[in-house]
Protein backbone atom coordinates (compact mmCIF):
# COMPACT_ATOMS: atom_id res chain seq x y z
CA UNK A 1 6.30 51.78 22.38
CA UNK A 2 8.10 53.34 19.31
CA UNK A 3 7.94 51.88 15.45
CA UNK A 4 11.85 51.32 16.03
CA UNK A 5 11.40 49.96 19.25
CA UNK A 6 8.05 47.05 17.98
CA UNK A 7 10.38 46.69 15.07
CA UNK A 8 13.40 45.40 17.35
CA UNK A 9 11.04 43.64 19.86
CA UNK A 10 9.09 41.95 17.30
CA UNK A 11 11.19 41.58 14.41
CA UNK A 12 9.30 38.38 12.82
CA UNK A 13 6.03 40.32 13.36
CA UNK A 14 7.51 43.47 12.25
CA UNK A 15 8.65 41.66 9.08
CA UNK A 16 5.28 40.04 8.60
CA UNK A 17 3.94 43.62 8.67
CA UNK A 18 6.39 44.86 5.67
CA UNK A 19 5.78 41.68 3.85
CA UNK A 20 1.66 42.32 4.04
CA UNK A 21 2.13 46.07 3.44
CA UNK A 22 4.15 45.71 0.03
CA UNK A 23 1.58 42.34 -0.90
CA UNK A 24 -1.38 44.69 -0.21
CA UNK A 25 0.28 47.22 -2.39
CA UNK A 26 1.16 44.50 -4.96
CA UNK A 27 -2.32 43.18 -4.77
CA UNK A 28 -3.86 46.70 -6.33
CA UNK A 29 -2.44 45.47 -9.39
CA UNK A 30 -5.31 43.01 -9.76
CA UNK A 31 -7.70 45.43 -9.91
CA UNK A 32 -6.52 46.36 -13.44
CA UNK A 33 -5.21 43.25 -15.17
CA UNK A 34 -3.80 43.45 -18.61
CA UNK A 35 -6.87 42.20 -20.47
CA UNK A 36 -8.00 42.49 -24.30
CA UNK A 37 -6.81 46.00 -24.68
CA UNK A 38 -3.13 44.77 -23.81
CA UNK A 39 -3.00 41.69 -25.92
CA UNK A 40 -4.16 43.75 -28.75
CA UNK A 41 -1.17 46.59 -28.37
CA UNK A 42 1.84 46.64 -30.62
CA UNK A 43 4.99 45.28 -28.30
CA UNK A 44 8.49 46.10 -28.85
CA UNK A 45 10.62 43.10 -29.96
CA UNK A 46 12.20 42.83 -26.57
CA UNK A 47 8.48 42.33 -24.44
CA UNK A 48 9.27 39.74 -22.40
CA UNK A 49 6.33 37.29 -22.29
CA UNK A 50 3.64 37.36 -20.17
CA UNK A 51 4.49 34.68 -17.49
CA UNK A 52 7.92 36.75 -16.44
CA UNK A 53 5.97 39.52 -14.97
CA UNK A 54 4.60 37.32 -11.60
CA UNK A 55 7.68 35.67 -10.74
CA UNK A 56 10.06 38.84 -11.25
CA UNK A 57 7.49 41.38 -9.28
CA UNK A 58 6.81 38.44 -6.43
CA UNK A 59 11.04 38.47 -5.92
CA UNK A 60 11.13 42.19 -6.53
CA UNK A 61 8.13 42.89 -3.86
CA UNK A 62 10.06 40.34 -1.04
CA UNK A 63 12.94 42.47 -1.55
CA UNK A 64 11.00 45.81 -0.95
CA UNK A 65 9.63 44.49 2.04
CA UNK A 66 12.84 43.50 3.49
CA UNK A 67 14.39 46.56 2.70
CA UNK A 68 11.52 48.73 4.09
CA UNK A 69 12.06 46.46 7.43
CA UNK A 70 15.44 46.84 7.56
CA UNK A 71 15.01 50.36 7.44
CA UNK A 72 12.34 50.21 9.84
CA UNK A 73 14.93 48.55 12.25
CA UNK A 74 17.55 50.89 11.85
CA UNK A 75 18.36 53.83 14.82
CA UNK A 76 15.80 56.57 15.01
CA UNK A 77 17.52 59.67 12.66
CA UNK A 78 16.47 61.91 10.11
CA UNK A 79 18.45 60.06 7.50
CA UNK A 80 16.15 56.86 8.35
CA UNK A 81 12.97 58.70 8.93
CA UNK A 82 14.08 60.51 5.38
CA UNK A 83 14.96 57.20 3.91
CA UNK A 84 11.26 55.55 5.02
CA UNK A 85 9.40 58.65 3.44
CA UNK A 86 11.07 58.53 0.06
CA UNK A 87 9.89 54.63 0.13
CA UNK A 88 6.41 55.21 0.70
CA UNK A 89 6.31 57.80 -1.84
CA UNK A 90 7.81 55.14 -3.98
CA UNK A 91 5.33 52.62 -3.22
CA UNK A 92 2.39 54.80 -3.15
CA UNK A 93 3.56 55.42 -6.84
CA UNK A 94 4.32 51.87 -7.66
CA UNK A 95 0.75 51.26 -6.39
CA UNK A 96 -0.35 53.90 -9.01
CA UNK A 97 1.12 52.87 -12.11
CA UNK A 98 -1.08 49.47 -12.66
CA UNK A 99 -4.28 51.29 -12.94
CA UNK A 100 -3.30 54.28 -14.68
CA UNK A 101 -1.73 51.91 -17.39
CA UNK A 102 -3.87 48.76 -17.66
CA UNK A 103 -7.17 50.41 -15.92
CA UNK A 104 -7.39 53.93 -17.47
CA UNK A 105 -5.33 52.97 -20.49
CA UNK A 106 -3.26 55.86 -20.30
CA UNK A 107 0.32 54.63 -21.66
CA UNK A 108 1.72 58.36 -21.61
CA UNK A 109 0.54 59.44 -18.36
CA UNK A 110 1.61 55.92 -17.21
CA UNK A 111 5.17 56.42 -18.43
CA UNK A 112 5.48 60.19 -16.81
CA UNK A 113 4.28 58.28 -13.20
CA UNK A 114 6.75 55.46 -13.94
CA UNK A 115 9.92 57.77 -14.67
CA UNK A 116 8.77 59.93 -11.25
CA UNK A 117 8.79 56.30 -9.49
CA UNK A 118 12.28 55.60 -10.57
CA UNK A 119 13.20 59.12 -9.40
CA UNK A 120 11.60 57.80 -5.93
CA UNK A 121 13.32 54.99 -6.22
CA UNK A 122 16.94 56.49 -6.72
CA UNK A 123 16.05 58.58 -3.91
CA UNK A 124 15.17 55.67 -1.49
CA UNK A 125 18.25 53.90 -2.53
CA UNK A 126 20.41 57.18 -1.71
CA UNK A 127 19.05 57.86 1.46
CA UNK A 128 19.03 54.57 2.70
CA UNK A 129 22.35 54.23 1.99
CA UNK A 130 24.26 55.53 4.94
CA UNK A 131 21.15 53.93 7.06
CA UNK A 132 21.66 50.77 6.02
CA UNK A 133 23.59 49.95 3.02
CA UNK A 134 21.76 46.22 2.60
CA UNK A 135 18.46 47.94 2.39
CA UNK A 136 19.44 50.16 -0.29
CA UNK A 137 21.69 47.25 -1.79
CA UNK A 138 17.98 44.92 -2.28
CA UNK A 139 16.48 48.02 -4.06
CA UNK A 140 19.08 48.21 -6.76
CA UNK A 141 17.11 45.00 -8.54
CA UNK A 142 14.08 46.87 -8.43
CA UNK A 143 15.72 50.01 -9.79
CA UNK A 144 17.00 47.93 -12.75
CA UNK A 145 13.53 46.30 -13.13
CA UNK A 146 11.71 49.81 -13.44
CA UNK A 147 14.25 51.03 -15.68
CA UNK A 148 13.04 47.89 -18.23
CA UNK A 149 9.39 48.86 -17.27
CA UNK A 150 9.80 52.43 -17.87
CA UNK A 151 11.60 51.34 -21.28
CA UNK A 152 8.84 49.00 -22.08
CA UNK A 153 5.87 51.26 -20.95
CA UNK A 154 7.72 54.24 -23.29
CA UNK A 155 8.16 52.23 -26.62
CA UNK A 156 4.20 50.93 -25.64
CA UNK A 157 3.12 54.45 -25.90
CA UNK A 158 5.08 55.22 -28.55
CA UNK A 159 3.75 52.32 -30.85
CA UNK A 160 0.86 52.75 -29.83
């Protein structure tokens, strides 16, 4: 059974798999929590309170998982394959940011990485648009949030 036919024959199971995959990636963030180092950093005036990040990322991860699922369910094509590959890269970059920033305490390298992640999210949206517009649309708030997060990362690097 191909991925596409599995996703069509078992839509609830394939959606659950996408949710599990994306939240497994999200859980990597718990390996390197912010901790005392982050608490001691000088922060820009627009730094949101800590409680904002959990709910924001939870909503975004659900949207990313649904977008991934919609792309997986799209008819097999070179465009679909490209969108899914770009999506996989941006997810890998997403998983790498937290350990770089909080774990290794390398805000400069994390900034370079998040800019690269932004590029791959934008490329995923562009590739997904002709395949499944709803999937592309679901990734737009993620791109907006990562734009904000990259700005915040850049300021944290500059201020510290």
